[in-house]
Amino acid sequence: MTTTEGLVPITRDYLARYYDKYPLPPIPDGVTALSARLRALSAELAAASPFSPEEEHLKQEASGVPAHKIDENMWKNREQMEEILFLLNKSRRPVALQQKSTPEDAEIVSTLDDCETKLKEMLKKLEQFQLKNADNVFNTVMTYMPQDFRGTLIRQQRERSERNKQAEVDAVVSAGGSIHDRYALLWKQQMDRRVQLAQLGSATGVYKTLVRYLVGVPQVLLDFIRQINDANGPMEVQRERYGPALYTLTKLVLAVRLYLHLSLARYGQKKIGKDDIAVLQQAVVIYTEEFGKFTTFIGEVFVNAPFFISAEDAGADSRKNDEYRETIIPAGKTHEVILSVEAVNSYIAWDFSLQQGALSTLLLILPYRRYEADQGNFCTVFAGSYKLVWDNSYSTFFKKTLRYKVDAVPPVVTETE
């Protein structure tokens, strides 16, 4: 079991400094232009035959804004690659292409075969990337768990859960579900994994009975995994840094699928022009190259990214301008503080140490660490005046050193992609 003594969940500022060391190489300028060109070619095909409802949906998706979460974009790219490979399957191509009726048809087939090969290779890499990333997150969490029956039970539960998830996917396929149906389920399952991990921290759901007996599980770990679903945590820095490049690639693969679907569906009415097939091939080549670079880069960044850091690192910047007050409450006495709060959604945080003689231990107040109301050291308040009372009258020997503050900035919490 790896110790978490003195550690807290990562903060937004710390993660931003970490990512400063890993700048993402820019996506080529031509990628956006290729997406626009493919959408324009798709619009031209509407003149040959109006869009069906399914094609209209593809058009809207290709023109829309990609999802914000990085892992949701990863699943979207994986889905689109499978959809494109489904279109490129030789048995589904137009008859003229299957028979290579003309030299032009044969040339198009050669290009489509090359596109198919590149996308198959990229799809396999993405599948391995996702599996490795999921294992890294789970195994990192487990290194901080006591290495006894509790860790074994959690691993067994995960294995059962994964088997059940695979059975759900198999059932969808057996029932004739589409690729989209399968990926809708896969994404739902991905979100379920997050919920299950968060439940370990909040002691709810399937882990409720188990966590009740998790004596020795570090609180910082439970704090981290409880907050894993929060939308505005430090992982937002990750999206700000690396999201735009991924969104650009998502839009490109959606444009590729739209154009390929329309051009093959209308091949009997309008054959694919030489220049147009060249645009398609260029788009696939650039997409697979850049997406491969992105997954390699992001995999290295994520696997080395910290989950926990020292309290000193977490508060290094904020404590430079951090104002707090400190007082000593003698044994047998109580202490009252009147606080005036001006900003809505401010929060009051406090820590204290018990002193006997010259010995004391004082915990750091971290302005960006989430506190829960029932922990007794944090509460969210509206504007107004508050009287806080600390009771040390029951103590005969111990002094209580109290440190407290009011902060108008909501605490930032932790999430993983």
Protein backbone atom coordinates (compact mmCIF):
# COMPACT_ATOMS: atom_id res chain seq x y z
CA MET A 1 0.00 0.00 0.00
CA THR A 2 1.49 3.34 -1.09
CA THR A 3 1.28 5.99 1.60
CA THR A 4 -0.71 9.21 1.06
CA GLU A 5 0.51 10.86 4.25
CA GLY A 6 0.75 14.60 3.70
CA LEU A 7 -0.91 14.39 0.27
CA VAL A 8 -4.01 16.06 -1.16
CA PRO A 9 -5.80 15.73 -4.53
CA ILE A 10 -4.23 17.69 -7.38
CA THR A 11 -5.24 21.31 -7.81
CA ARG A 12 -5.95 23.21 -10.99
CA ASP A 13 -2.89 25.48 -10.63
CA TYR A 14 -0.55 22.58 -9.98
CA LEU A 15 -1.88 20.62 -12.96
CA ALA A 16 -1.51 23.68 -15.20
CA ARG A 17 2.16 23.89 -14.22
CA TYR A 18 2.58 20.19 -14.91
CA TYR A 19 1.06 20.54 -18.40
CA ASP A 20 3.34 23.50 -19.12
CA LYS A 21 6.11 20.91 -19.43
CA TYR A 22 4.14 19.00 -22.09
CA PRO A 23 3.12 21.33 -24.93
CA LEU A 24 1.10 19.52 -27.60
CA PRO A 25 2.56 19.82 -31.11
CA PRO A 26 0.06 21.81 -33.21
CA ILE A 27 -2.35 20.11 -35.58
CA PRO A 28 -1.53 21.01 -39.23
CA ASP A 29 -3.48 24.02 -40.48
CA GLY A 30 -4.79 21.98 -43.41
CA VAL A 31 -6.91 19.73 -41.20
CA THR A 32 -9.67 22.30 -40.73
CA ALA A 33 -9.59 23.10 -44.45
CA LEU A 34 -9.94 19.41 -45.31
CA SER A 35 -12.99 19.08 -43.06
CA ALA A 36 -14.59 22.08 -44.74
CA ARG A 37 -13.77 20.72 -48.20
CA LEU A 38 -15.34 17.34 -47.44
CA ARG A 39 -18.48 18.99 -46.10
CA ALA A 40 -18.67 21.09 -49.28
CA LEU A 41 -18.34 17.95 -51.44
CA SER A 42 -21.10 16.35 -49.39
CA ALA A 43 -23.35 19.32 -50.00
CA GLU A 44 -22.77 18.99 -53.73
CA LEU A 45 -23.95 15.38 -53.58
CA ALA A 46 -27.30 16.56 -52.25
CA ALA A 47 -28.00 17.83 -55.79
CA ALA A 48 -27.82 14.26 -57.09
CA SER A 49 -30.26 12.99 -54.47
CA PRO A 50 -31.82 14.71 -51.42
CA PHE A 51 -30.55 13.70 -48.02
CA SER A 52 -32.39 10.93 -46.18
CA PRO A 53 -33.21 11.49 -42.49
CA GLU A 54 -30.14 9.41 -41.54
CA GLU A 55 -27.92 11.45 -43.87
CA GLU A 56 -29.36 14.70 -42.54
CA HIS A 57 -28.39 13.55 -39.04
CA LEU A 58 -24.85 12.80 -40.22
CA LYS A 59 -24.67 16.25 -41.81
CA GLN A 60 -25.77 17.95 -38.59
CA GLU A 61 -23.28 15.98 -36.53
CA ALA A 62 -20.43 16.81 -38.90
CA SER A 63 -21.35 20.49 -38.70
CA GLY A 64 -21.85 20.53 -34.94
CA VAL A 65 -19.64 21.09 -31.92
CA PRO A 66 -17.81 18.01 -30.57
CA ALA A 67 -18.37 16.88 -27.00
CA HIS A 68 -16.29 18.66 -24.37
CA LYS A 69 -14.89 15.65 -22.52
CA ILE A 70 -11.72 14.15 -23.91
CA ASP A 71 -12.73 10.54 -23.29
CA GLU A 72 -16.14 11.11 -24.90
CA ASN A 73 -14.33 12.36 -27.99
CA MET A 74 -12.13 9.29 -27.92
CA TRP A 75 -15.20 7.06 -27.96
CA LYS A 76 -16.75 9.19 -30.73
CA ASN A 77 -13.64 8.79 -32.88
CA ARG A 78 -13.61 5.06 -32.28
CA GLU A 79 -17.27 4.83 -33.27
CA GLN A 80 -16.69 6.83 -36.45
CA MET A 81 -13.75 4.66 -37.46
CA GLU A 82 -15.92 1.56 -37.11
CA GLU A 83 -18.71 3.21 -39.12
CA ILE A 84 -16.27 4.13 -41.89
CA LEU A 85 -14.81 0.62 -41.95
CA PHE A 86 -18.34 -0.73 -42.21
CA LEU A 87 -18.84 1.43 -45.31
CA LEU A 88 -15.49 0.34 -46.74
CA ASN A 89 -16.24 -3.36 -46.35
CA LYS A 90 -15.84 -4.86 -49.82
CA SER A 91 -19.21 -6.61 -49.70
CA ARG A 92 -20.98 -3.30 -49.10
CA ARG A 93 -19.33 -1.29 -51.86
CA PRO A 94 -21.28 -0.45 -55.04
CA VAL A 95 -21.38 -3.27 -57.59
CA ALA A 96 -19.24 -1.30 -60.05
CA LEU A 97 -16.50 -1.06 -57.48
CA GLN A 98 -16.78 -4.70 -56.48
CA GLN A 99 -16.39 -5.71 -60.11
CA LYS A 100 -13.84 -2.99 -60.95
CA SER A 101 -15.84 -2.30 -64.09
CA THR A 102 -13.51 0.40 -65.40
CA PRO A 103 -9.91 1.48 -64.84
CA GLU A 104 -11.29 4.45 -62.88
CA ASP A 105 -13.25 2.06 -60.66
CA ALA A 106 -10.14 -0.01 -60.05
CA GLU A 107 -8.18 3.11 -59.07
CA ILE A 108 -10.90 4.13 -56.61
CA VAL A 109 -10.92 0.63 -55.12
CA SER A 110 -7.16 0.82 -54.58
CA THR A 111 -7.59 4.15 -52.75
CA LEU A 112 -10.44 2.83 -50.62
CA ASP A 113 -8.38 -0.26 -49.72
CA ASP A 114 -5.53 1.99 -48.59
CA CYS A 115 -7.93 4.04 -46.46
CA GLU A 116 -9.34 0.86 -44.95
CA THR A 117 -5.90 -0.42 -43.97
CA LYS A 118 -4.91 2.83 -42.28
CA LEU A 119 -8.17 3.09 -40.32
CA LYS A 120 -7.99 -0.53 -39.15
CA GLU A 121 -4.51 0.08 -37.78
CA MET A 122 -5.58 3.28 -36.04
CA LEU A 123 -8.69 1.66 -34.57
CA LYS A 124 -6.59 -1.11 -33.04
CA LYS A 125 -4.21 1.46 -31.50
CA LEU A 126 -7.12 3.41 -30.03
CA GLU A 127 -8.65 0.29 -28.49
CA GLN A 128 -5.33 -0.54 -26.85
CA PHE A 129 -4.93 3.05 -25.66
CA GLN A 130 -8.33 3.00 -23.94
CA LEU A 131 -7.71 -0.34 -22.27
CA LYS A 132 -4.31 0.77 -21.01
CA ASN A 133 -5.65 4.08 -19.75
CA ALA A 134 -8.50 2.42 -17.83
CA ASP A 135 -6.10 -0.06 -16.23
CA ASN A 136 -3.69 2.73 -15.27
CA VAL A 137 -6.39 4.69 -13.44
CA PHE A 138 -7.73 1.65 -11.59
CA ASN A 139 -4.31 0.28 -10.69
CA THR A 140 -3.12 3.68 -9.45
CA VAL A 141 -6.11 3.90 -7.13
CA MET A 142 -5.53 0.36 -5.93
CA THR A 143 -1.91 1.07 -4.98
CA TYR A 144 -3.25 3.32 -2.23
CA MET A 145 -5.68 0.69 -0.93
CA PRO A 146 -4.79 -1.66 1.93
CA GLN A 147 -3.39 -4.82 0.40
CA ASP A 148 -5.77 -7.23 2.10
CA PHE A 149 -9.19 -8.78 1.48
CA ARG A 150 -10.72 -5.38 0.72
CA GLY A 151 -8.52 -4.78 -2.29
CA THR A 152 -9.19 -8.32 -3.47
CA LEU A 153 -12.94 -7.83 -3.19
CA ILE A 154 -12.80 -4.59 -5.14
CA ARG A 155 -10.77 -6.23 -7.91
CA GLN A 156 -13.19 -9.17 -8.04
CA GLN A 157 -16.13 -6.80 -8.20
CA ARG A 158 -14.50 -4.94 -11.10
CA GLU A 159 -13.89 -8.18 -12.98
CA ARG A 160 -17.51 -9.25 -12.51
CA SER A 161 -18.69 -5.84 -13.60
CA GLU A 162 -16.58 -5.95 -16.77
CA ARG A 163 -17.90 -9.41 -17.64
CA ASN A 164 -21.45 -8.17 -17.19
CA LYS A 165 -20.74 -5.15 -19.38
CA GLN A 166 -19.34 -7.35 -22.14
CA ALA A 167 -22.44 -9.55 -21.92
CA GLU A 168 -24.59 -6.44 -22.41
CA VAL A 169 -22.63 -5.51 -25.52
CA ASP A 170 -22.87 -9.04 -26.89
CA ALA A 171 -26.63 -8.97 -26.34
CA VAL A 172 -26.96 -5.74 -28.35
CA VAL A 173 -24.95 -7.24 -31.21
CA SER A 174 -26.94 -10.50 -31.14
CA ALA A 175 -30.18 -8.53 -31.29
CA GLY A 176 -29.04 -6.82 -34.49
CA GLY A 177 -28.09 -3.51 -32.89
CA SER A 178 -26.25 -0.96 -34.98
CA ILE A 179 -22.73 0.30 -34.43
CA HIS A 180 -24.25 3.45 -32.95
CA ASP A 181 -26.39 1.37 -30.56
CA ARG A 182 -23.29 -0.48 -29.40
CA TYR A 183 -21.31 2.69 -28.81
CA ALA A 184 -24.18 4.38 -27.01
CA LEU A 185 -24.05 1.43 -24.61
CA LEU A 186 -20.24 1.53 -24.39
CA TRP A 187 -20.31 5.20 -23.43
CA LYS A 188 -23.01 4.58 -20.84
CA GLN A 189 -20.85 1.82 -19.40
CA GLN A 190 -17.87 4.18 -19.30
CA MET A 191 -19.90 6.64 -17.25
CA ASP A 192 -21.06 3.77 -15.02
CA ARG A 193 -17.42 2.96 -14.29
CA ARG A 194 -16.91 6.49 -13.06
CA VAL A 195 -19.97 6.28 -10.87
CA GLN A 196 -18.79 3.00 -9.37
CA LEU A 197 -15.38 4.46 -8.62
CA ALA A 198 -16.95 7.54 -7.06
CA GLN A 199 -19.17 5.30 -4.94
CA LEU A 200 -16.06 3.86 -3.36
CA GLY A 201 -15.27 7.31 -2.04
CA SER A 202 -18.77 8.23 -0.91
CA ALA A 203 -19.64 4.79 0.52
CA THR A 204 -22.82 4.37 -1.50
CA GLY A 205 -24.22 1.81 -3.88
CA VAL A 206 -22.40 -1.45 -4.44
CA TYR A 207 -19.48 -0.43 -2.21
CA LYS A 208 -21.54 0.73 0.77
CA THR A 209 -21.04 -2.33 2.96
CA LEU A 210 -17.42 -2.75 1.95
CA VAL A 211 -16.36 0.84 2.51
CA ARG A 212 -17.99 0.86 5.92
CA TYR A 213 -15.13 -1.39 7.00
CA LEU A 214 -12.37 0.33 5.07
CA VAL A 215 -10.33 1.23 8.12
CA GLY A 216 -6.93 2.35 6.93
CA VAL A 217 -8.05 3.61 3.52
CA PRO A 218 -6.50 7.09 3.15
CA GLN A 219 -9.08 9.87 3.29
CA VAL A 220 -7.28 11.69 0.49
CA LEU A 221 -7.93 8.70 -1.77
CA LEU A 222 -11.62 8.64 -0.86
CA ASP A 223 -11.79 12.38 -1.48
CA PHE A 224 -10.19 11.95 -4.89
CA ILE A 225 -12.36 9.15 -6.18
CA ARG A 226 -15.53 10.65 -4.75
CA GLN A 227 -14.87 13.76 -6.83
CA ILE A 228 -14.08 11.89 -10.03
CA ASN A 229 -17.33 12.90 -11.76
CA ASP A 230 -17.16 16.61 -10.99
CA ALA A 231 -17.35 18.67 -14.17
CA ASN A 232 -15.30 21.73 -13.23
CA GLY A 233 -12.29 20.25 -11.51
CA PRO A 234 -8.61 20.41 -12.42
CA MET A 235 -9.20 18.13 -15.41
CA GLU A 236 -10.75 21.17 -17.08
CA VAL A 237 -7.16 22.38 -17.49
CA GLN A 238 -6.52 19.18 -19.43
CA ARG A 239 -9.39 19.94 -21.79
CA GLU A 240 -8.30 23.53 -22.26
CA ARG A 241 -4.79 22.44 -23.21
CA TYR A 242 -5.43 19.38 -25.33
CA GLY A 243 -9.12 19.45 -26.16
CA PRO A 244 -9.04 21.82 -29.18
CA ALA A 245 -6.66 19.58 -31.13
CA LEU A 246 -8.83 16.54 -30.43
CA TYR A 247 -12.01 18.41 -31.36
CA THR A 248 -10.42 19.30 -34.71
CA LEU A 249 -9.68 15.63 -35.40
CA THR A 250 -13.19 14.62 -34.34
CA LYS A 251 -14.68 17.04 -36.85
CA LEU A 252 -12.41 15.64 -39.56
CA VAL A 253 -13.40 12.02 -39.04
CA LEU A 254 -17.09 13.01 -38.99
CA ALA A 255 -16.60 14.82 -42.31
CA VAL A 256 -14.85 11.77 -43.76
CA ARG A 257 -17.70 9.50 -42.77
CA LEU A 258 -20.36 11.88 -44.14
CA TYR A 259 -18.68 12.25 -47.52
CA LEU A 260 -17.87 8.55 -47.87
CA HIS A 261 -21.43 7.54 -46.98
CA LEU A 262 -22.96 9.95 -49.50
CA SER A 263 -20.51 9.26 -52.32
CA LEU A 264 -20.89 5.47 -52.10
CA ALA A 265 -24.68 5.67 -51.75
CA ARG A 266 -24.87 7.78 -54.95
CA TYR A 267 -22.12 6.06 -56.90
CA GLY A 268 -24.58 4.81 -59.52
CA GLN A 269 -25.74 8.38 -60.12
CA LYS A 270 -22.43 10.17 -59.82
CA LYS A 271 -19.05 8.47 -59.70
CA ILE A 272 -16.38 9.80 -57.41
CA GLY A 273 -14.16 12.24 -59.25
CA LYS A 274 -10.38 11.83 -59.30
CA ASP A 275 -9.81 15.05 -57.38
CA ASP A 276 -12.50 14.16 -54.84
CA ILE A 277 -11.10 10.72 -54.05
CA ALA A 278 -7.69 12.39 -53.63
CA VAL A 279 -9.21 14.72 -51.01
CA LEU A 280 -10.72 11.73 -49.20
CA GLN A 281 -7.43 9.85 -49.22
CA GLN A 282 -5.51 12.89 -47.98
CA ALA A 283 -8.02 13.36 -45.17
CA VAL A 284 -7.69 9.74 -44.02
CA VAL A 285 -3.90 9.85 -44.17
CA ILE A 286 -3.67 13.06 -42.15
CA TYR A 287 -6.37 11.96 -39.72
CA THR A 288 -4.74 8.63 -38.89
CA GLU A 289 -1.27 10.18 -38.62
CA GLU A 290 -2.37 13.04 -36.38
CA PHE A 291 -4.72 10.93 -34.28
CA GLY A 292 -1.93 8.40 -33.76
CA LYS A 293 0.42 11.18 -32.63
CA PHE A 294 -2.24 12.58 -30.33
CA THR A 295 -2.97 9.28 -28.56
CA THR A 296 0.73 8.55 -28.12
CA PHE A 297 1.37 12.02 -26.71
CA ILE A 298 -1.66 12.14 -24.45
CA GLY A 299 -1.01 8.62 -23.18
CA GLU A 300 2.48 9.61 -22.01
CA VAL A 301 1.21 12.81 -20.40
CA PHE A 302 -1.68 11.13 -18.60
CA VAL A 303 0.22 8.13 -17.29
CA ASN A 304 2.76 10.43 -15.62
CA ALA A 305 0.23 12.98 -14.38
CA PRO A 306 -0.07 13.24 -10.58
CA PHE A 307 -3.26 12.28 -8.75
CA PHE A 308 -1.98 13.47 -5.40
CA ILE A 309 0.54 16.12 -4.39
CA SER A 310 1.88 17.44 -1.12
CA ALA A 311 -0.14 19.95 0.82
CA GLU A 312 2.75 22.36 0.48
CA ASP A 313 2.69 22.09 -3.33
CA ALA A 314 -1.07 22.42 -3.42
CA GLY A 315 -1.03 25.58 -1.39
CA ALA A 316 2.32 27.00 -2.45
CA ASP A 317 0.90 29.73 -4.66
CA SER A 318 -2.36 30.36 -2.87
CA ARG A 319 -0.85 30.70 0.60
CA LYS A 320 1.35 33.58 -0.53
CA ASN A 321 -1.73 35.78 -0.51
CA ASP A 322 -3.82 33.60 1.76
CA GLU A 323 -5.26 35.46 4.72
CA TYR A 324 -6.26 33.51 7.77
CA ARG A 325 -6.51 34.16 11.46
CA GLU A 326 -5.17 32.07 14.26
CA THR A 327 -5.93 31.95 17.95
CA ILE A 328 -5.20 29.70 20.91
CA ILE A 329 -8.17 28.48 22.93
CA PRO A 330 -7.07 27.64 26.48
CA ALA A 331 -8.23 24.40 28.08
CA GLY A 332 -11.63 24.78 29.70
CA LYS A 333 -12.64 27.74 27.53
CA THR A 334 -14.78 28.40 24.48
CA HIS A 335 -14.05 30.76 21.59
CA GLU A 336 -16.47 32.74 19.45
CA VAL A 337 -15.78 34.48 16.15
CA ILE A 338 -18.11 36.85 14.27
CA LEU A 339 -17.49 36.65 10.53
CA SER A 340 -18.91 39.02 7.93
CA VAL A 341 -19.45 37.40 4.53
CA GLU A 342 -20.07 39.65 1.53
CA ALA A 343 -19.92 37.34 -1.48
CA VAL A 344 -22.57 34.76 -2.33
CA ASN A 345 -21.36 31.15 -2.24
CA SER A 346 -18.39 31.96 -0.06
CA TYR A 347 -17.10 29.23 2.18
CA ILE A 348 -15.64 29.13 5.64
CA ALA A 349 -12.86 26.68 6.39
CA TRP A 350 -11.05 25.94 9.61
CA ASP A 351 -8.47 23.60 11.03
CA PHE A 352 -7.24 23.13 14.55
CA SER A 353 -4.62 21.26 16.48
CA LEU A 354 -4.60 20.11 20.08
CA GLN A 355 -1.57 21.12 22.09
CA GLN A 356 -0.17 19.64 25.26
CA GLY A 357 2.83 21.54 26.41
CA ALA A 358 5.02 22.46 23.44
CA LEU A 359 3.76 19.67 21.19
CA SER A 360 1.29 20.44 18.43
CA THR A 361 0.34 19.40 14.92
CA LEU A 362 -1.37 21.91 12.64
CA LEU A 363 -3.09 20.87 9.42
CA LEU A 364 -2.91 23.16 6.40
CA ILE A 365 -6.04 24.97 5.26
CA LEU A 366 -6.12 24.54 1.48
CA PRO A 367 -8.41 27.03 -0.25
CA TYR A 368 -8.90 24.74 -3.24
CA ARG A 369 -9.57 21.53 -1.39
CA ARG A 370 -13.16 20.35 -1.12
CA TYR A 371 -14.50 20.00 2.37
CA GLU A 372 -17.76 18.32 3.25
CA ALA A 373 -20.18 19.91 5.71
CA ASP A 374 -20.24 16.84 7.91
CA GLN A 375 -16.47 16.84 8.28
CA GLY A 376 -16.77 19.78 10.66
CA ASN A 377 -14.18 21.98 8.99
CA PHE A 378 -16.06 23.53 6.09
CA CYS A 379 -19.38 25.11 5.28
CA THR A 380 -20.74 27.04 2.30
CA VAL A 381 -22.53 30.25 3.24
CA PHE A 382 -24.58 33.06 1.78
CA ALA A 383 -23.80 36.73 2.36
CA GLY A 384 -24.40 37.80 5.93
CA SER A 385 -22.94 37.60 9.45
CA TYR A 386 -22.10 34.37 11.22
CA LYS A 387 -21.05 33.44 14.72
CA LEU A 388 -18.83 30.38 14.91
CA VAL A 389 -18.25 28.78 18.29
CA TRP A 390 -15.44 26.37 19.13
CA ASP A 391 -15.81 24.56 22.41
CA ASN A 392 -12.72 23.55 24.35
CA SER A 393 -14.41 23.68 27.76
CA TYR A 394 -14.44 19.89 28.04
CA SER A 395 -10.64 19.74 27.92
CA THR A 396 -8.59 19.82 31.10
CA PHE A 397 -5.08 19.56 29.65
CA PHE A 398 -5.18 20.45 25.94
CA LYS A 399 -5.06 23.85 24.35
CA LYS A 400 -6.64 24.15 20.92
CA THR A 401 -4.90 26.19 18.22
CA LEU A 402 -7.50 27.34 15.74
CA ARG A 403 -6.94 28.72 12.25
CA TYR A 404 -9.86 29.90 10.13
CA LYS A 405 -10.66 31.90 7.00
CA VAL A 406 -13.41 33.01 4.64
CA ASP A 407 -12.94 32.54 0.90
CA ALA A 408 -15.27 33.73 -1.86
CA VAL A 409 -13.87 31.33 -4.45
CA PRO A 410 -15.67 27.95 -4.57
CA PRO A 411 -13.34 25.00 -4.03
CA VAL A 412 -12.07 23.32 -7.18
CA VAL A 413 -12.35 19.55 -7.21
CA THR A 414 -10.83 16.66 -9.09
CA GLU A 415 -11.98 14.70 -12.13
CA THR A 416 -10.25 12.22 -14.53
CA GLU A 417 -10.84 11.65 -18.37
